Amino acid sequence: MKIVIQRVSSASVKNNVTGEARKIGRGAVVLTGFRRGDSRDKADYMAEKISNLRIFPPEEGGAD
């Protein structure tokens, strides 16, 4: 499993089937590649790890 994380000020992804685009503001784009033999446990572990990354400064007045 390979994961690339990129901080973005905005991004969009177009669905090739419907042509509909999903847009986000500031956030992160996470590109993930799986291969045969990657387990659900490993994917769950990586999702948890990514969700706890501190890649943005804390927001004023909010939780860190």
PDB file of N, CA and C in Angstrom:
ATOM      1  N   MET A   1       0.842  -1.161   0.000  1.00  0.00           N
ATOM      2  CA  MET A   1       0.000   0.000   0.000  1.00  0.00           C
ATOM      3  C   MET A   1       0.892   1.231   0.000  1.00  0.00           C
ATOM      4  N   LYS A   2       0.587   2.152  -0.887  1.00  0.00           N
ATOM      5  CA  LYS A   2       1.307   3.420  -0.969  1.00  0.00           C
ATOM      6  C   LYS A   2       0.305   4.542  -0.785  1.00  0.00           C
ATOM      7  N   ILE A   3       0.700   5.563  -0.027  1.00  0.00           N
ATOM      8  CA  ILE A   3      -0.174   6.699   0.228  1.00  0.00           C
ATOM      9  C   ILE A   3       0.603   7.982   0.013  1.00  0.00           C
ATOM     10  N   VAL A   4       0.000   8.912  -0.718  1.00  0.00           N
ATOM     11  CA  VAL A   4       0.565  10.243  -0.934  1.00  0.00           C
ATOM     12  C   VAL A   4      -0.458  11.244  -0.416  1.00  0.00           C
ATOM     13  N   ILE A   5      -0.021  12.145   0.465  1.00  0.00           N
ATOM     14  CA  ILE A   5      -0.908  13.154   1.034  1.00  0.00           C
ATOM     15  C   ILE A   5      -0.425  14.522   0.583  1.00  0.00           C
ATOM     16  N   GLN A   6      -1.350  15.341   0.084  1.00  0.00           N
ATOM     17  CA  GLN A   6      -0.997  16.686  -0.346  1.00  0.00           C
ATOM     18  C   GLN A   6      -1.980  17.680   0.263  1.00  0.00           C
ATOM     19  N   ARG A   7      -1.429  18.689   0.967  1.00  0.00           N
ATOM     20  CA  ARG A   7      -2.272  19.764   1.479  1.00  0.00           C
ATOM     21  C   ARG A   7      -2.697  20.634   0.303  1.00  0.00           C
ATOM     22  N   VAL A   8      -3.959  21.066   0.322  1.00  0.00           N
ATOM     23  CA  VAL A   8      -4.469  21.891  -0.772  1.00  0.00           C
ATOM     24  C   VAL A   8      -5.300  23.043  -0.225  1.00  0.00           C
ATOM     25  N   SER A   9      -5.341  24.137  -0.980  1.00  0.00           N
ATOM     26  CA  SER A   9      -6.232  25.236  -0.624  1.00  0.00           C
ATOM     27  C   SER A   9      -7.612  24.997  -1.232  1.00  0.00           C
ATOM     28  N   SER A  10      -7.665  24.233  -2.311  1.00  0.00           N
ATOM     29  CA  SER A  10      -8.922  23.774  -2.904  1.00  0.00           C
ATOM     30  C   SER A  10      -8.601  22.635  -3.865  1.00  0.00           C
ATOM     31  N   ALA A  11      -9.591  21.796  -4.113  1.00  0.00           N
ATOM     32  CA  ALA A  11      -9.397  20.662  -5.017  1.00  0.00           C
ATOM     33  C   ALA A  11     -10.756  20.183  -5.500  1.00  0.00           C
ATOM     34  N   SER A  12     -10.754  19.436  -6.596  1.00  0.00           N
ATOM     35  CA  SER A  12     -11.985  18.822  -7.068  1.00  0.00           C
ATOM     36  C   SER A  12     -11.643  17.499  -7.755  1.00  0.00           C
ATOM     37  N   VAL A  13     -12.605  16.606  -7.733  1.00  0.00           N
ATOM     38  CA  VAL A  13     -12.458  15.303  -8.376  1.00  0.00           C
ATOM     39  C   VAL A  13     -13.688  15.094  -9.236  1.00  0.00           C
ATOM     40  N   LYS A  14     -13.485  14.739 -10.484  1.00  0.00           N
ATOM     41  CA  LYS A  14     -14.601  14.526 -11.402  1.00  0.00           C
ATOM     42  C   LYS A  14     -14.888  13.031 -11.509  1.00  0.00           C
ATOM     43  N   ASN A  15     -16.152  12.674 -11.397  1.00  0.00           N
ATOM     44  CA  ASN A  15     -16.603  11.301 -11.558  1.00  0.00           C
ATOM     45  C   ASN A  15     -16.754  11.044 -13.058  1.00  0.00           C
ATOM     46  N   ASN A  16     -16.005  10.104 -13.587  1.00  0.00           N
ATOM     47  CA  ASN A  16     -16.043   9.834 -15.028  1.00  0.00           C
ATOM     48  C   ASN A  16     -17.370   9.242 -15.499  1.00  0.00           C
ATOM     49  N   VAL A  17     -18.124   8.646 -14.586  1.00  0.00           N
ATOM     50  CA  VAL A  17     -19.389   8.024 -14.974  1.00  0.00           C
ATOM     51  C   VAL A  17     -20.483   9.082 -15.120  1.00  0.00           C
ATOM     52  N   THR A  18     -20.620   9.956 -14.123  1.00  0.00           N
ATOM     53  CA  THR A  18     -21.699  10.946 -14.144  1.00  0.00           C
ATOM     54  C   THR A  18     -21.235  12.319 -14.604  1.00  0.00           C
ATOM     55  N   GLY A  19     -19.930  12.550 -14.594  1.00  0.00           N
ATOM     56  CA  GLY A  19     -19.407  13.859 -14.945  1.00  0.00           C
ATOM     57  C   GLY A  19     -19.521  14.869 -13.819  1.00  0.00           C
ATOM     58  N   GLU A  20     -20.063  14.430 -12.680  1.00  0.00           N
ATOM     59  CA  GLU A  20     -20.240  15.319 -11.534  1.00  0.00           C
ATOM     60  C   GLU A  20     -18.895  15.559 -10.846  1.00  0.00           C
ATOM     61  N   ALA A  21     -18.651  16.807 -10.461  1.00  0.00           N
ATOM     62  CA  ALA A  21     -17.409  17.148  -9.770  1.00  0.00           C
ATOM     63  C   ALA A  21     -17.697  17.428  -8.300  1.00  0.00           C
ATOM     64  N   ARG A  22     -16.840  16.912  -7.435  1.00  0.00           N
ATOM     65  CA  ARG A  22     -16.916  17.183  -5.997  1.00  0.00           C
ATOM     66  C   ARG A  22     -15.793  18.140  -5.665  1.00  0.00           C
ATOM     67  N   LYS A  23     -16.117  19.223  -4.967  1.00  0.00           N
ATOM     68  CA  LYS A  23     -15.119  20.243  -4.653  1.00  0.00           C
ATOM     69  C   LYS A  23     -14.942  20.374  -3.147  1.00  0.00           C
ATOM     70  N   ILE A  24     -13.718  20.658  -2.727  1.00  0.00           N
ATOM     71  CA  ILE A  24     -13.423  20.946  -1.329  1.00  0.00           C
ATOM     72  C   ILE A  24     -12.657  22.252  -1.264  1.00  0.00           C
ATOM     73  N   GLY A  25     -12.684  22.863  -0.102  1.00  0.00           N
ATOM     74  CA  GLY A  25     -11.852  24.027   0.169  1.00  0.00           C
ATOM     75  C   GLY A  25     -10.522  23.541   0.722  1.00  0.00           C
ATOM     76  N   ARG A  26     -10.002  24.248   1.721  1.00  0.00           N
ATOM     77  CA  ARG A  26      -8.730  23.848   2.320  1.00  0.00           C
ATOM     78  C   ARG A  26      -8.878  22.451   2.906  1.00  0.00           C
ATOM     79  N   GLY A  27      -7.905  21.612   2.660  1.00  0.00           N
ATOM     80  CA  GLY A  27      -7.948  20.248   3.168  1.00  0.00           C
ATOM     81  C   GLY A  27      -6.770  19.458   2.666  1.00  0.00           C
ATOM     82  N   ALA A  28      -6.980  18.170   2.499  1.00  0.00           N
ATOM     83  CA  ALA A  28      -5.924  17.280   2.043  1.00  0.00           C
ATOM     84  C   ALA A  28      -6.479  16.339   0.987  1.00  0.00           C
ATOM     85  N   VAL A  29      -5.688  16.110  -0.035  1.00  0.00           N
ATOM     86  CA  VAL A  29      -5.999  15.099  -1.038  1.00  0.00           C
ATOM     87  C   VAL A  29      -5.141  13.883  -0.694  1.00  0.00           C
ATOM     88  N   VAL A  30      -5.772  12.733  -0.568  1.00  0.00           N
ATOM     89  CA  VAL A  30      -5.065  11.504  -0.204  1.00  0.00           C
ATOM     90  C   VAL A  30      -5.200  10.518  -1.355  1.00  0.00           C
ATOM     91  N   LEU A  31      -4.089  10.245  -2.015  1.00  0.00           N
ATOM     92  CA  LEU A  31      -4.056   9.255  -3.095  1.00  0.00           C
ATOM     93  C   LEU A  31      -3.553   7.949  -2.503  1.00  0.00           C
ATOM     94  N   THR A  32      -4.303   6.882  -2.711  1.00  0.00           N
ATOM     95  CA  THR A  32      -3.958   5.599  -2.110  1.00  0.00           C
ATOM     96  C   THR A  32      -3.886   4.523  -3.182  1.00  0.00           C
ATOM     97  N   GLY A  33      -2.816   3.749  -3.154  1.00  0.00           N
ATOM     98  CA  GLY A  33      -2.660   2.627  -4.067  1.00  0.00           C
ATOM     99  C   GLY A  33      -2.624   1.325  -3.285  1.00  0.00           C
ATOM    100  N   PHE A  34      -3.446   0.375  -3.701  1.00  0.00           N
ATOM    101  CA  PHE A  34      -3.496  -0.936  -3.054  1.00  0.00           C
ATOM    102  C   PHE A  34      -2.906  -1.983  -3.986  1.00  0.00           C
ATOM    103  N   ARG A  35      -2.413  -3.027  -3.397  1.00  0.00           N
ATOM    104  CA  ARG A  35      -1.939  -4.154  -4.195  1.00  0.00           C
ATOM    105  C   ARG A  35      -2.453  -5.444  -3.569  1.00  0.00           C
ATOM    106  N   ARG A  36      -2.383  -6.491  -4.334  1.00  0.00           N
ATOM    107  CA  ARG A  36      -2.819  -7.796  -3.844  1.00  0.00           C
ATOM    108  C   ARG A  36      -2.043  -8.115  -2.565  1.00  0.00           C
ATOM    109  N   GLY A  37      -2.748  -8.559  -1.551  1.00  0.00           N
ATOM    110  CA  GLY A  37      -2.104  -8.909  -0.289  1.00  0.00           C
ATOM    111  C   GLY A  37      -2.248  -7.836   0.784  1.00  0.00           C
ATOM    112  N   ASP A  38      -2.642  -6.597   0.409  1.00  0.00           N
ATOM    113  CA  ASP A  38      -2.889  -5.568   1.416  1.00  0.00           C
ATOM    114  C   ASP A  38      -4.139  -5.953   2.199  1.00  0.00           C
ATOM    115  N   SER A  39      -4.056  -5.852   3.511  1.00  0.00           N
ATOM    116  CA  SER A  39      -5.167  -6.299   4.351  1.00  0.00           C
ATOM    117  C   SER A  39      -6.067  -5.142   4.775  1.00  0.00           C
ATOM    118  N   ARG A  40      -7.271  -5.485   5.173  1.00  0.00           N
ATOM    119  CA  ARG A  40      -8.215  -4.491   5.712  1.00  0.00           C
ATOM    120  C   ARG A  40      -7.640  -3.877   6.988  1.00  0.00           C
ATOM    121  N   ASP A  41      -6.957  -4.692   7.799  1.00  0.00           N
ATOM    122  CA  ASP A  41      -6.348  -4.177   9.033  1.00  0.00           C
ATOM    123  C   ASP A  41      -5.314  -3.101   8.729  1.00  0.00           C
ATOM    124  N   LYS A  42      -4.509  -3.310   7.685  1.00  0.00           N
ATOM    125  CA  LYS A  42      -3.503  -2.319   7.312  1.00  0.00           C
ATOM    126  C   LYS A  42      -4.175  -1.037   6.823  1.00  0.00           C
ATOM    127  N   ALA A  43      -5.241  -1.162   6.042  1.00  0.00           N
ATOM    128  CA  ALA A  43      -5.975   0.007   5.553  1.00  0.00           C
ATOM    129  C   ALA A  43      -6.594   0.775   6.720  1.00  0.00           C
ATOM    130  N   ASP A  44      -7.174   0.067   7.686  1.00  0.00           N
ATOM    131  CA  ASP A  44      -7.745   0.708   8.865  1.00  0.00           C
ATOM    132  C   ASP A  44      -6.669   1.430   9.673  1.00  0.00           C
ATOM    133  N   TYR A  45      -5.510   0.795   9.830  1.00  0.00           N
ATOM    134  CA  TYR A  45      -4.396   1.398  10.554  1.00  0.00           C
ATOM    135  C   TYR A  45      -3.936   2.683   9.869  1.00  0.00           C
ATOM    136  N   MET A  46      -3.799   2.640   8.537  1.00  0.00           N
ATOM    137  CA  MET A  46      -3.336   3.815   7.805  1.00  0.00           C
ATOM    138  C   MET A  46      -4.381   4.937   7.857  1.00  0.00           C
ATOM    139  N   ALA A  47      -5.663   4.608   7.785  1.00  0.00           N
ATOM    140  CA  ALA A  47      -6.713   5.624   7.869  1.00  0.00           C
ATOM    141  C   ALA A  47      -6.674   6.317   9.230  1.00  0.00           C
ATOM    142  N   GLU A  48      -6.482   5.556  10.277  1.00  0.00           N
ATOM    143  CA  GLU A  48      -6.378   6.132  11.621  1.00  0.00           C
ATOM    144  C   GLU A  48      -5.144   7.020  11.734  1.00  0.00           C
ATOM    145  N   LYS A  49      -4.041   6.552  11.197  1.00  0.00           N
ATOM    146  CA  LYS A  49      -2.797   7.321  11.242  1.00  0.00           C
ATOM    147  C   LYS A  49      -2.949   8.649  10.485  1.00  0.00           C
ATOM    148  N   ILE A  50      -3.550   8.607   9.309  1.00  0.00           N
ATOM    149  CA  ILE A  50      -3.749   9.811   8.505  1.00  0.00           C
ATOM    150  C   ILE A  50      -4.666  10.793   9.232  1.00  0.00           C
ATOM    151  N   SER A  51      -5.729  10.272   9.837  1.00  0.00           N
ATOM    152  CA  SER A  51      -6.692  11.160  10.501  1.00  0.00           C
ATOM    153  C   SER A  51      -6.081  11.885  11.695  1.00  0.00           C
ATOM    154  N   ASN A  52      -4.977  11.383  12.228  1.00  0.00           N
ATOM    155  CA  ASN A  52      -4.334  12.017  13.379  1.00  0.00           C
ATOM    156  C   ASN A  52      -3.116  12.867  13.011  1.00  0.00           C
ATOM    157  N   LEU A  53      -2.826  13.017  11.716  1.00  0.00           N
ATOM    158  CA  LEU A  53      -1.702  13.855  11.310  1.00  0.00           C
ATOM    159  C   LEU A  53      -1.988  15.300  11.659  1.00  0.00           C
ATOM    160  N   ARG A  54      -0.945  16.025  12.042  1.00  0.00           N
ATOM    161  CA  ARG A  54      -1.077  17.457  12.339  1.00  0.00           C
ATOM    162  C   ARG A  54      -0.419  18.223  11.203  1.00  0.00           C
ATOM    163  N   ILE A  55      -1.120  18.293  10.089  1.00  0.00           N
ATOM    164  CA  ILE A  55      -0.530  18.938   8.910  1.00  0.00           C
ATOM    165  C   ILE A  55      -1.059  20.357   8.693  1.00  0.00           C
ATOM    166  N   PHE A  56      -2.021  20.778   9.538  1.00  0.00           N
ATOM    167  CA  PHE A  56      -2.520  22.149   9.475  1.00  0.00           C
ATOM    168  C   PHE A  56      -2.323  22.796  10.844  1.00  0.00           C
ATOM    169  N   PRO A  57      -2.085  24.106  10.843  1.00  0.00           N
ATOM    170  CA  PRO A  57      -1.949  24.786  12.141  1.00  0.00           C
ATOM    171  C   PRO A  57      -3.281  24.738  12.892  1.00  0.00           C
ATOM    172  N   PRO A  58      -3.237  24.768  14.227  1.00  0.00           N
ATOM    173  CA  PRO A  58      -4.493  24.760  14.992  1.00  0.00           C
ATOM    174  C   PRO A  58      -5.332  25.986  14.642  1.00  0.00           C
ATOM    175  N   GLU A  59      -6.655  25.799  14.643  1.00  0.00           N
ATOM    176  CA  GLU A  59      -7.554  26.917  14.348  1.00  0.00           C
ATOM    177  C   GLU A  59      -7.680  27.783  15.585  1.00  0.00           C
ATOM    178  N   GLU A  60      -7.816  29.076  15.396  1.00  0.00           N
ATOM    179  CA  GLU A  60      -7.965  30.025  16.501  1.00  0.00           C
ATOM    180  C   GLU A  60      -9.226  29.673  17.298  1.00  0.00           C
ATOM    181  N   GLY A  61      -9.070  29.545  18.620  1.00  0.00           N
ATOM    182  CA  GLY A  61     -10.214  29.306  19.480  1.00  0.00           C
ATOM    183  C   GLY A  61     -10.785  27.907  19.446  1.00  0.00           C
ATOM    184  N   GLY A  62     -10.215  27.030  18.629  1.00  0.00           N
ATOM    185  CA  GLY A  62     -10.736  25.669  18.535  1.00  0.00           C
ATOM    186  C   GLY A  62      -9.822  24.683  19.237  1.00  0.00           C
ATOM    187  N   ALA A  63     -10.192  23.427  19.178  1.00  0.00           N
ATOM    188  CA  ALA A  63      -9.347  22.371  19.744  1.00  0.00           C
ATOM    189  C   ALA A  63      -8.092  22.267  18.918  1.00  0.00           C
ATOM    190  N   ASP A  64      -7.016  21.770  19.513  1.00  0.00           N
ATOM    191  CA  ASP A  64      -5.747  21.728  18.776  1.00  0.00           C
ATOM    192  C   ASP A  64      -5.852  20.691  17.710  1.00  0.00           C
TER     193      ASP A  64
END
